């Protein structure tokens, strides 16, 4: 899964404090709209390497409207509950509040 295609170097890198991923669908929730509409990314992996280019699907919603079904795919097991995700977002985004807009980013891994 290490980046090899020539255009990959121009893609944004989706970084993670906890780069834990499962096979199949993975979700990452980000504050605001920075990642909204981004169609391809590379992931920062646990070993410091970057993934190959991956398609990214994004959608905007308020944090307090995230469903339990969406949280089930959160890449970090500590964030698969609303309370766990809120604590993590507040740690990474000081002042984050439950009524804020977030971008839900979905990507798939083999």
N, C-alpha and C. Protein backbone atom coordinates (compact mmCIF):
# COMPACT_ATOMS: atom_id res chain seq x y z
N UNK A 1 0.81 -1.18 0.00
CA UNK A 1 0.00 0.00 0.00
C UNK A 1 0.87 1.26 0.00
N UNK A 2 2.14 1.17 -0.26
CA UNK A 2 3.03 2.33 -0.32
C UNK A 2 2.82 3.05 -1.64
N UNK A 3 2.88 4.38 -1.59
CA UNK A 3 2.62 5.20 -2.79
C UNK A 3 3.62 4.88 -3.89
N UNK A 4 3.11 4.66 -5.10
CA UNK A 4 3.99 4.40 -6.22
C UNK A 4 3.62 5.20 -7.46
N UNK A 5 2.35 5.65 -7.59
CA UNK A 5 2.01 6.34 -8.83
C UNK A 5 2.56 7.76 -8.83
N UNK A 6 2.95 8.22 -10.01
CA UNK A 6 3.67 9.48 -10.15
C UNK A 6 2.86 10.67 -9.67
N UNK A 7 1.56 10.67 -9.81
CA UNK A 7 0.74 11.80 -9.39
C UNK A 7 0.42 11.79 -7.90
N UNK A 8 0.75 10.72 -7.21
CA UNK A 8 0.43 10.61 -5.79
C UNK A 8 1.11 11.71 -4.97
N UNK A 9 2.27 12.17 -5.39
CA UNK A 9 2.99 13.17 -4.61
C UNK A 9 2.25 14.50 -4.54
N UNK A 10 1.34 14.75 -5.46
CA UNK A 10 0.59 16.01 -5.47
C UNK A 10 -0.69 15.92 -4.63
N UNK A 11 -1.04 14.74 -4.16
CA UNK A 11 -2.29 14.57 -3.41
C UNK A 11 -2.14 15.00 -1.95
N UNK A 12 -3.24 15.47 -1.34
CA UNK A 12 -3.17 15.80 0.08
C UNK A 12 -2.98 14.53 0.91
N UNK A 13 -2.37 14.71 2.07
CA UNK A 13 -2.11 13.60 2.98
C UNK A 13 -3.08 13.70 4.15
N UNK A 14 -3.85 12.65 4.34
CA UNK A 14 -4.77 12.57 5.46
C UNK A 14 -4.00 11.94 6.62
N UNK A 15 -3.65 12.76 7.60
CA UNK A 15 -2.85 12.30 8.73
C UNK A 15 -3.72 11.81 9.87
N UNK A 16 -3.13 11.02 10.74
CA UNK A 16 -3.86 10.40 11.84
C UNK A 16 -3.00 10.37 13.09
N UNK A 17 -3.60 10.72 14.23
CA UNK A 17 -2.92 10.56 15.52
C UNK A 17 -2.87 9.08 15.87
N UNK A 18 -3.91 8.34 15.49
CA UNK A 18 -3.99 6.89 15.73
C UNK A 18 -4.24 6.20 14.39
N UNK A 19 -3.18 5.89 13.64
CA UNK A 19 -3.35 5.27 12.32
C UNK A 19 -3.68 3.79 12.41
N UNK A 20 -4.87 3.50 12.90
CA UNK A 20 -5.38 2.13 13.03
C UNK A 20 -6.46 1.96 11.99
N UNK A 21 -6.32 0.97 11.11
CA UNK A 21 -7.28 0.79 10.03
C UNK A 21 -7.72 -0.66 9.95
N UNK A 22 -8.93 -0.85 9.44
CA UNK A 22 -9.48 -2.19 9.22
C UNK A 22 -9.57 -2.42 7.71
N UNK A 23 -9.67 -3.67 7.32
CA UNK A 23 -9.95 -3.97 5.92
C UNK A 23 -11.37 -3.52 5.62
N UNK A 24 -11.57 -2.98 4.44
CA UNK A 24 -12.89 -2.49 4.06
C UNK A 24 -13.05 -1.01 4.35
N UNK A 25 -14.28 -0.63 4.69
CA UNK A 25 -14.60 0.79 4.92
C UNK A 25 -13.99 1.29 6.22
N UNK A 26 -13.40 2.47 6.14
CA UNK A 26 -12.89 3.19 7.30
C UNK A 26 -13.43 4.61 7.22
N UNK A 27 -13.74 5.18 8.37
CA UNK A 27 -14.27 6.54 8.45
C UNK A 27 -13.38 7.38 9.34
N UNK A 28 -13.19 8.63 8.96
CA UNK A 28 -12.50 9.61 9.81
C UNK A 28 -13.35 10.87 9.81
N UNK A 29 -13.61 11.41 10.98
CA UNK A 29 -14.42 12.61 11.12
C UNK A 29 -13.49 13.79 11.39
N UNK A 30 -13.63 14.85 10.59
CA UNK A 30 -12.76 16.02 10.70
C UNK A 30 -13.60 17.28 10.92
N UNK A 31 -13.10 18.18 11.73
CA UNK A 31 -13.79 19.45 12.00
C UNK A 31 -13.83 20.32 10.76
N UNK A 32 -14.99 20.91 10.50
CA UNK A 32 -15.11 21.88 9.42
C UNK A 32 -15.18 21.27 8.04
N UNK A 33 -14.81 22.08 7.04
CA UNK A 33 -14.99 21.69 5.64
C UNK A 33 -13.69 21.50 4.86
N UNK A 34 -12.56 21.53 5.52
CA UNK A 34 -11.28 21.43 4.80
C UNK A 34 -11.23 20.23 3.86
N UNK A 35 -11.76 19.08 4.27
CA UNK A 35 -11.66 17.86 3.47
C UNK A 35 -12.88 17.62 2.60
N UNK A 36 -13.90 18.46 2.71
CA UNK A 36 -15.12 18.29 1.92
C UNK A 36 -14.81 18.43 0.44
N UNK A 37 -15.20 17.45 -0.35
CA UNK A 37 -14.99 17.49 -1.79
C UNK A 37 -13.64 16.99 -2.26
N UNK A 38 -12.73 16.67 -1.34
CA UNK A 38 -11.44 16.10 -1.73
C UNK A 38 -11.73 14.69 -2.22
N UNK A 39 -11.27 14.37 -3.42
CA UNK A 39 -11.65 13.09 -4.04
C UNK A 39 -10.60 12.00 -3.95
N UNK A 40 -9.34 12.38 -3.77
CA UNK A 40 -8.26 11.38 -3.67
C UNK A 40 -7.25 11.88 -2.65
N UNK A 41 -6.73 10.94 -1.86
CA UNK A 41 -5.75 11.27 -0.83
C UNK A 41 -4.72 10.15 -0.72
N UNK A 42 -3.71 10.44 0.05
CA UNK A 42 -2.81 9.41 0.56
C UNK A 42 -2.97 9.42 2.07
N UNK A 43 -2.86 8.27 2.70
CA UNK A 43 -2.98 8.16 4.14
C UNK A 43 -1.60 8.07 4.77
N UNK A 44 -1.45 8.71 5.91
CA UNK A 44 -0.24 8.54 6.69
C UNK A 44 -0.40 7.25 7.48
N UNK A 45 0.48 6.29 7.25
CA UNK A 45 0.38 4.97 7.87
C UNK A 45 1.17 4.92 9.18
N UNK A 46 0.94 3.90 9.97
CA UNK A 46 1.57 3.76 11.28
C UNK A 46 3.10 3.73 11.20
N UNK A 47 3.64 3.16 10.13
CA UNK A 47 5.09 3.05 10.00
C UNK A 47 5.73 4.29 9.41
N UNK A 48 4.94 5.36 9.22
CA UNK A 48 5.46 6.60 8.67
C UNK A 48 5.39 6.67 7.15
N UNK A 49 5.12 5.55 6.51
CA UNK A 49 4.98 5.53 5.06
C UNK A 49 3.66 6.19 4.66
N UNK A 50 3.53 6.45 3.38
CA UNK A 50 2.28 6.96 2.83
C UNK A 50 1.64 5.89 1.96
N UNK A 51 0.33 5.83 2.00
CA UNK A 51 -0.38 4.86 1.17
C UNK A 51 -0.33 5.28 -0.28
N UNK A 52 -0.71 4.36 -1.13
CA UNK A 52 -0.98 4.70 -2.53
C UNK A 52 -2.19 5.63 -2.55
N UNK A 53 -2.43 6.26 -3.67
CA UNK A 53 -3.59 7.14 -3.82
C UNK A 53 -4.86 6.33 -3.61
N UNK A 54 -5.77 6.90 -2.83
CA UNK A 54 -7.05 6.25 -2.54
C UNK A 54 -8.21 7.20 -2.82
N UNK A 55 -9.32 6.68 -3.31
CA UNK A 55 -10.51 7.53 -3.43
C UNK A 55 -11.03 7.87 -2.03
N UNK A 56 -11.57 9.07 -1.91
CA UNK A 56 -12.14 9.53 -0.65
C UNK A 56 -13.57 10.00 -0.92
N UNK A 57 -14.49 9.55 -0.11
CA UNK A 57 -15.86 10.05 -0.20
C UNK A 57 -16.11 10.90 1.03
N UNK A 58 -16.67 12.10 0.82
CA UNK A 58 -16.89 13.01 1.93
C UNK A 58 -18.33 13.50 1.96
N UNK A 59 -18.77 13.83 3.15
CA UNK A 59 -20.08 14.46 3.31
C UNK A 59 -20.03 15.33 4.56
N UNK A 60 -20.85 16.36 4.55
CA UNK A 60 -20.89 17.32 5.64
C UNK A 60 -22.10 17.05 6.51
N UNK A 61 -21.91 17.08 7.81
CA UNK A 61 -23.05 16.97 8.74
C UNK A 61 -22.63 17.60 10.07
N UNK A 62 -23.60 17.80 10.93
CA UNK A 62 -23.27 18.28 12.27
C UNK A 62 -22.86 17.08 13.11
N UNK A 63 -21.91 17.32 14.00
CA UNK A 63 -21.43 16.23 14.84
C UNK A 63 -22.57 15.54 15.56
N UNK A 64 -23.49 16.32 16.11
CA UNK A 64 -24.57 15.72 16.91
C UNK A 64 -25.61 14.98 16.06
N UNK A 65 -25.41 14.96 14.74
CA UNK A 65 -26.31 14.21 13.85
C UNK A 65 -25.65 12.95 13.28
N UNK A 66 -24.43 12.66 13.70
CA UNK A 66 -23.77 11.43 13.26
C UNK A 66 -24.55 10.23 13.79
N UNK A 67 -24.74 9.24 12.95
CA UNK A 67 -25.48 8.05 13.37
C UNK A 67 -24.53 7.01 13.97
N UNK A 68 -25.11 6.13 14.77
CA UNK A 68 -24.33 5.02 15.31
C UNK A 68 -23.76 4.17 14.18
N UNK A 69 -24.52 4.04 13.08
CA UNK A 69 -24.05 3.25 11.93
C UNK A 69 -22.79 3.86 11.33
N UNK A 70 -22.71 5.19 11.24
CA UNK A 70 -21.51 5.84 10.71
C UNK A 70 -20.33 5.64 11.65
N UNK A 71 -20.58 5.75 12.94
CA UNK A 71 -19.51 5.60 13.92
C UNK A 71 -18.95 4.19 13.95
N UNK A 72 -19.72 3.22 13.52
CA UNK A 72 -19.25 1.83 13.51
C UNK A 72 -18.04 1.63 12.61
N UNK A 73 -17.85 2.52 11.63
CA UNK A 73 -16.73 2.40 10.69
C UNK A 73 -15.57 3.33 11.04
N UNK A 74 -15.67 4.06 12.14
CA UNK A 74 -14.59 4.96 12.55
C UNK A 74 -13.30 4.14 12.65
N UNK A 75 -12.24 4.66 12.04
CA UNK A 75 -10.98 3.90 11.98
C UNK A 75 -10.39 3.62 13.36
N UNK A 76 -10.55 4.55 14.30
CA UNK A 76 -9.99 4.42 15.64
C UNK A 76 -11.05 3.81 16.55
N UNK A 77 -10.81 2.62 17.10
CA UNK A 77 -11.81 1.98 17.95
C UNK A 77 -12.28 2.86 19.11
N UNK A 78 -11.43 3.75 19.61
CA UNK A 78 -11.81 4.64 20.71
C UNK A 78 -12.86 5.67 20.29
N UNK A 79 -13.08 5.81 18.99
CA UNK A 79 -14.00 6.82 18.46
C UNK A 79 -15.29 6.23 17.90
N UNK A 80 -15.58 5.01 18.25
CA UNK A 80 -16.78 4.36 17.70
C UNK A 80 -18.04 4.61 18.52
N UNK A 81 -17.91 5.46 19.53
CA UNK A 81 -19.08 5.95 20.26
C UNK A 81 -19.06 7.47 20.15
N UNK A 82 -20.21 8.10 20.29
CA UNK A 82 -20.27 9.56 20.21
C UNK A 82 -19.41 10.20 21.31
N UNK A 83 -19.45 9.64 22.52
CA UNK A 83 -18.65 10.18 23.62
C UNK A 83 -17.15 10.04 23.35
N UNK A 84 -16.74 8.89 22.83
CA UNK A 84 -15.33 8.69 22.51
C UNK A 84 -14.84 9.60 21.40
N UNK A 85 -15.65 9.74 20.35
CA UNK A 85 -15.28 10.61 19.24
C UNK A 85 -15.25 12.06 19.70
N UNK A 86 -16.22 12.48 20.50
CA UNK A 86 -16.24 13.86 20.99
C UNK A 86 -14.98 14.15 21.81
N UNK A 87 -14.60 13.25 22.70
CA UNK A 87 -13.39 13.45 23.50
C UNK A 87 -12.15 13.58 22.62
N UNK A 88 -12.07 12.76 21.59
CA UNK A 88 -10.92 12.81 20.68
C UNK A 88 -10.92 14.11 19.88
N UNK A 89 -12.07 14.50 19.36
CA UNK A 89 -12.14 15.75 18.59
C UNK A 89 -11.81 16.95 19.48
N UNK A 90 -12.25 16.95 20.72
CA UNK A 90 -11.95 18.06 21.62
C UNK A 90 -10.47 18.10 21.97
N UNK A 91 -9.81 16.95 21.98
CA UNK A 91 -8.37 16.91 22.23
C UNK A 91 -7.60 17.46 21.03
N UNK A 92 -8.05 17.13 19.82
CA UNK A 92 -7.33 17.57 18.61
C UNK A 92 -7.75 18.95 18.12
N UNK A 93 -8.97 19.35 18.44
CA UNK A 93 -9.51 20.64 18.01
C UNK A 93 -10.02 21.37 19.25
N UNK A 94 -9.14 22.10 19.95
CA UNK A 94 -9.57 22.79 21.17
C UNK A 94 -10.81 23.66 20.91
N UNK A 95 -11.76 23.56 21.82
CA UNK A 95 -12.99 24.32 21.71
C UNK A 95 -14.07 23.66 20.87
N UNK A 96 -13.81 22.45 20.36
CA UNK A 96 -14.80 21.76 19.54
C UNK A 96 -16.07 21.53 20.35
N UNK A 97 -17.23 21.81 19.72
CA UNK A 97 -18.53 21.65 20.38
C UNK A 97 -19.41 20.68 19.59
N UNK A 98 -20.31 19.96 20.26
CA UNK A 98 -21.13 18.95 19.59
C UNK A 98 -22.02 19.47 18.46
N UNK A 99 -22.34 20.76 18.42
CA UNK A 99 -23.18 21.30 17.36
C UNK A 99 -22.43 21.73 16.11
N UNK A 100 -21.12 21.51 16.09
CA UNK A 100 -20.30 21.97 14.95
C UNK A 100 -20.46 21.08 13.73
N UNK A 101 -20.15 21.67 12.58
CA UNK A 101 -20.13 20.94 11.32
C UNK A 101 -18.84 20.15 11.22
N UNK A 102 -18.97 18.93 10.74
CA UNK A 102 -17.82 18.05 10.53
C UNK A 102 -17.90 17.46 9.13
N UNK A 103 -16.76 17.08 8.61
CA UNK A 103 -16.71 16.35 7.35
C UNK A 103 -16.43 14.89 7.68
N UNK A 104 -17.30 14.03 7.20
CA UNK A 104 -17.13 12.60 7.37
C UNK A 104 -16.40 12.10 6.13
N UNK A 105 -15.24 11.50 6.34
CA UNK A 105 -14.38 11.02 5.25
C UNK A 105 -14.36 9.50 5.27
N UNK A 106 -14.77 8.89 4.17
CA UNK A 106 -14.76 7.44 4.04
C UNK A 106 -13.72 7.02 3.02
N UNK A 107 -12.98 5.97 3.36
CA UNK A 107 -12.02 5.37 2.44
C UNK A 107 -12.01 3.87 2.68
N UNK A 108 -11.60 3.14 1.68
CA UNK A 108 -11.62 1.68 1.74
C UNK A 108 -10.22 1.13 1.57
N UNK A 109 -9.90 0.12 2.36
CA UNK A 109 -8.60 -0.54 2.30
C UNK A 109 -8.80 -2.03 2.06
N UNK A 110 -7.83 -2.64 1.36
CA UNK A 110 -7.86 -4.09 1.13
C UNK A 110 -7.50 -4.84 2.38
